């Protein structure tokens, strides 16, 4: 939770984008319809794009910090680059759950 409290607004938004398709997928698992399934696909793509964008921004900030301080790779920078991977981890974790919910919805669909 310490990583989340120190994250930027953009990073928090990119992680939130992983939760949006998850919420819709849970609704789809309970009440499957073609319209909900049609919305899950573009929302999943948006979550992937947001995750890659958030991770790229974190890596970009780490590299910028290195160049401004004229320094080599340090343990603090390693931690920064590890934190840059958090949006990717959250989004793909949520997307795993999304598509499991979709599988349940497809199984339940008449």
C-alpha atoms as a PDB file:
ATOM      1  CA  UNK A   1       0.000   0.000   0.000  1.00  0.00           C
ATOM      2  CA  UNK A   2       2.984   2.289   0.468  1.00  0.00           C
ATOM      3  CA  UNK A   3       3.599   2.241  -3.281  1.00  0.00           C
ATOM      4  CA  UNK A   4       0.006   3.320  -3.978  1.00  0.00           C
ATOM      5  CA  UNK A   5       0.141   6.233  -1.530  1.00  0.00           C
ATOM      6  CA  UNK A   6       3.261   7.603  -3.217  1.00  0.00           C
ATOM      7  CA  UNK A   7       2.010   7.082  -6.771  1.00  0.00           C
ATOM      8  CA  UNK A   8       1.219  10.020  -9.027  1.00  0.00           C
ATOM      9  CA  UNK A   9      -2.306  10.898 -10.124  1.00  0.00           C
ATOM     10  CA  UNK A  10      -1.613   9.516 -13.613  1.00  0.00           C
ATOM     11  CA  UNK A  11      -0.418   6.219 -12.164  1.00  0.00           C
ATOM     12  CA  UNK A  12      -3.518   5.943  -9.993  1.00  0.00           C
ATOM     13  CA  UNK A  13      -5.712   6.616 -13.035  1.00  0.00           C
ATOM     14  CA  UNK A  14      -3.925   3.956 -15.086  1.00  0.00           C
ATOM     15  CA  UNK A  15      -4.484   1.448 -12.278  1.00  0.00           C
ATOM     16  CA  UNK A  16      -8.136   2.492 -12.057  1.00  0.00           C
ATOM     17  CA  UNK A  17      -8.506   1.702 -15.762  1.00  0.00           C
ATOM     18  CA  UNK A  18      -7.841  -1.945 -14.917  1.00  0.00           C
ATOM     19  CA  UNK A  19     -10.722  -1.980 -12.435  1.00  0.00           C
ATOM     20  CA  UNK A  20     -13.323  -0.549 -14.858  1.00  0.00           C
ATOM     21  CA  UNK A  21     -13.515  -3.607 -17.138  1.00  0.00           C
ATOM     22  CA  UNK A  22     -13.423  -5.830 -14.047  1.00  0.00           C
ATOM     23  CA  UNK A  23     -16.567  -4.212 -12.672  1.00  0.00           C
ATOM     24  CA  UNK A  24     -18.353  -4.649 -16.006  1.00  0.00           C
ATOM     25  CA  UNK A  25     -17.153  -8.246 -16.280  1.00  0.00           C
ATOM     26  CA  UNK A  26     -18.609  -9.049 -12.856  1.00  0.00           C
ATOM     27  CA  UNK A  27     -21.931  -7.613 -14.010  1.00  0.00           C
ATOM     28  CA  UNK A  28     -21.639  -9.676 -17.208  1.00  0.00           C
ATOM     29  CA  UNK A  29     -20.961 -12.850 -15.200  1.00  0.00           C
ATOM     30  CA  UNK A  30     -24.247 -12.326 -13.323  1.00  0.00           C
ATOM     31  CA  UNK A  31     -26.382 -10.936 -16.180  1.00  0.00           C
ATOM     32  CA  UNK A  32     -24.772 -11.947 -19.498  1.00  0.00           C
ATOM     33  CA  UNK A  33     -25.771 -10.000 -22.593  1.00  0.00           C
ATOM     34  CA  UNK A  34     -24.201  -9.357 -25.967  1.00  0.00           C
ATOM     35  CA  UNK A  35     -24.119  -5.594 -25.308  1.00  0.00           C
ATOM     36  CA  UNK A  36     -22.074  -5.994 -22.101  1.00  0.00           C
ATOM     37  CA  UNK A  37     -19.715  -8.403 -23.809  1.00  0.00           C
ATOM     38  CA  UNK A  38     -19.265  -5.884 -26.602  1.00  0.00           C
ATOM     39  CA  UNK A  39     -18.215  -3.240 -24.052  1.00  0.00           C
ATOM     40  CA  UNK A  40     -15.717  -5.480 -22.290  1.00  0.00           C
ATOM     41  CA  UNK A  41     -13.525  -5.858 -25.362  1.00  0.00           C
ATOM     42  CA  UNK A  42     -12.730  -2.138 -25.911  1.00  0.00           C
ATOM     43  CA  UNK A  43     -12.447  -1.552 -22.153  1.00  0.00           C
ATOM     44  CA  UNK A  44      -9.891  -4.369 -21.965  1.00  0.00           C
ATOM     45  CA  UNK A  45      -7.908  -2.753 -24.749  1.00  0.00           C
ATOM     46  CA  UNK A  46      -8.096   0.604 -22.948  1.00  0.00           C
ATOM     47  CA  UNK A  47      -6.783  -1.050 -19.771  1.00  0.00           C
ATOM     48  CA  UNK A  48      -3.858  -2.546 -21.681  1.00  0.00           C
ATOM     49  CA  UNK A  49      -3.024   0.808 -23.269  1.00  0.00           C
ATOM     50  CA  UNK A  50      -3.287   2.582 -19.902  1.00  0.00           C
ATOM     51  CA  UNK A  51      -1.015   0.009 -18.252  1.00  0.00           C
ATOM     52  CA  UNK A  52       1.639   0.303 -20.936  1.00  0.00           C
ATOM     53  CA  UNK A  53       1.381   4.087 -20.821  1.00  0.00           C
ATOM     54  CA  UNK A  54       1.692   4.197 -17.023  1.00  0.00           C
ATOM     55  CA  UNK A  55       4.684   1.876 -17.076  1.00  0.00           C
ATOM     56  CA  UNK A  56       6.346   3.860 -19.850  1.00  0.00           C
ATOM     57  CA  UNK A  57       5.842   7.066 -17.871  1.00  0.00           C
ATOM     58  CA  UNK A  58       7.440   5.509 -14.792  1.00  0.00           C
ATOM     59  CA  UNK A  59      10.455   4.338 -16.764  1.00  0.00           C
ATOM     60  CA  UNK A  60      10.680   7.717 -18.498  1.00  0.00           C
ATOM     61  CA  UNK A  61      10.687   9.490 -15.119  1.00  0.00           C
ATOM     62  CA  UNK A  62      13.430   7.184 -13.845  1.00  0.00           C
ATOM     63  CA  UNK A  63      15.597   7.807 -16.877  1.00  0.00           C
ATOM     64  CA  UNK A  64      14.977  11.551 -16.647  1.00  0.00           C
ATOM     65  CA  UNK A  65      15.976  11.509 -12.986  1.00  0.00           C
ATOM     66  CA  UNK A  66      19.192   9.667 -13.889  1.00  0.00           C
ATOM     67  CA  UNK A  67      20.091  12.177 -16.575  1.00  0.00           C
ATOM     68  CA  UNK A  68      19.358  15.259 -14.436  1.00  0.00           C
ATOM     69  CA  UNK A  69      21.455  13.955 -11.529  1.00  0.00           C
ATOM     70  CA  UNK A  70      24.183  12.674 -13.869  1.00  0.00           C
ATOM     71  CA  UNK A  71      24.261   9.395 -12.005  1.00  0.00           C
ATOM     72  CA  UNK A  72      24.536   5.680 -12.604  1.00  0.00           C
ATOM     73  CA  UNK A  73      22.055   2.999 -11.641  1.00  0.00           C
ATOM     74  CA  UNK A  74      21.482   2.880  -7.864  1.00  0.00           C
ATOM     75  CA  UNK A  75      19.240   0.832  -5.544  1.00  0.00           C
ATOM     76  CA  UNK A  76      16.869   3.815  -5.316  1.00  0.00           C
ATOM     77  CA  UNK A  77      16.514   3.841  -9.095  1.00  0.00           C
ATOM     78  CA  UNK A  78      15.920   0.088  -9.063  1.00  0.00           C
ATOM     79  CA  UNK A  79      13.044   0.707  -6.638  1.00  0.00           C
ATOM     80  CA  UNK A  80      11.700   3.438  -8.934  1.00  0.00           C
ATOM     81  CA  UNK A  81      11.781   1.147 -11.939  1.00  0.00           C
ATOM     82  CA  UNK A  82      10.103  -1.600  -9.897  1.00  0.00           C
ATOM     83  CA  UNK A  83       7.349   0.852  -8.950  1.00  0.00           C
ATOM     84  CA  UNK A  84       6.974   1.709 -12.636  1.00  0.00           C
ATOM     85  CA  UNK A  85       5.820  -1.866 -13.235  1.00  0.00           C
ATOM     86  CA  UNK A  86       2.959  -1.633 -10.706  1.00  0.00           C
ATOM     87  CA  UNK A  87       0.342  -0.304 -13.210  1.00  0.00           C
ATOM     88  CA  UNK A  88       1.210  -3.151 -15.574  1.00  0.00           C
ATOM     89  CA  UNK A  89       0.868  -5.724 -12.785  1.00  0.00           C
ATOM     90  CA  UNK A  90      -2.457  -4.323 -11.559  1.00  0.00           C
ATOM     91  CA  UNK A  91      -3.963  -4.030 -15.044  1.00  0.00           C
ATOM     92  CA  UNK A  92      -3.023  -7.514 -16.182  1.00  0.00           C
ATOM     93  CA  UNK A  93      -4.110  -9.000 -12.860  1.00  0.00           C
ATOM     94  CA  UNK A  94      -7.493  -7.327 -13.289  1.00  0.00           C
ATOM     95  CA  UNK A  95      -7.709  -8.411 -16.923  1.00  0.00           C
ATOM     96  CA  UNK A  96      -7.106 -12.006 -15.884  1.00  0.00           C
ATOM     97  CA  UNK A  97     -10.091 -11.746 -13.565  1.00  0.00           C
ATOM     98  CA  UNK A  98     -12.089  -9.963 -16.297  1.00  0.00           C
ATOM     99  CA  UNK A  99     -11.737 -12.776 -18.773  1.00  0.00           C
ATOM    100  CA  UNK A 100     -12.456 -15.398 -16.123  1.00  0.00           C
ATOM    101  CA  UNK A 101     -15.717 -13.540 -15.400  1.00  0.00           C
ATOM    102  CA  UNK A 102     -16.428 -13.450 -19.140  1.00  0.00           C
ATOM    103  CA  UNK A 103     -15.884 -17.204 -19.305  1.00  0.00           C
ATOM    104  CA  UNK A 104     -18.395 -17.650 -16.478  1.00  0.00           C
ATOM    105  CA  UNK A 105     -20.858 -15.355 -18.259  1.00  0.00           C
ATOM    106  CA  UNK A 106     -20.465 -17.254 -21.526  1.00  0.00           C
ATOM    107  CA  UNK A 107     -20.996 -20.531 -19.698  1.00  0.00           C
ATOM    108  CA  UNK A 108     -24.177 -19.195 -18.063  1.00  0.00           C
ATOM    109  CA  UNK A 109     -25.539 -17.581 -21.221  1.00  0.00           C
ATOM    110  CA  UNK A 110     -28.594 -19.295 -22.686  1.00  0.00           C
END
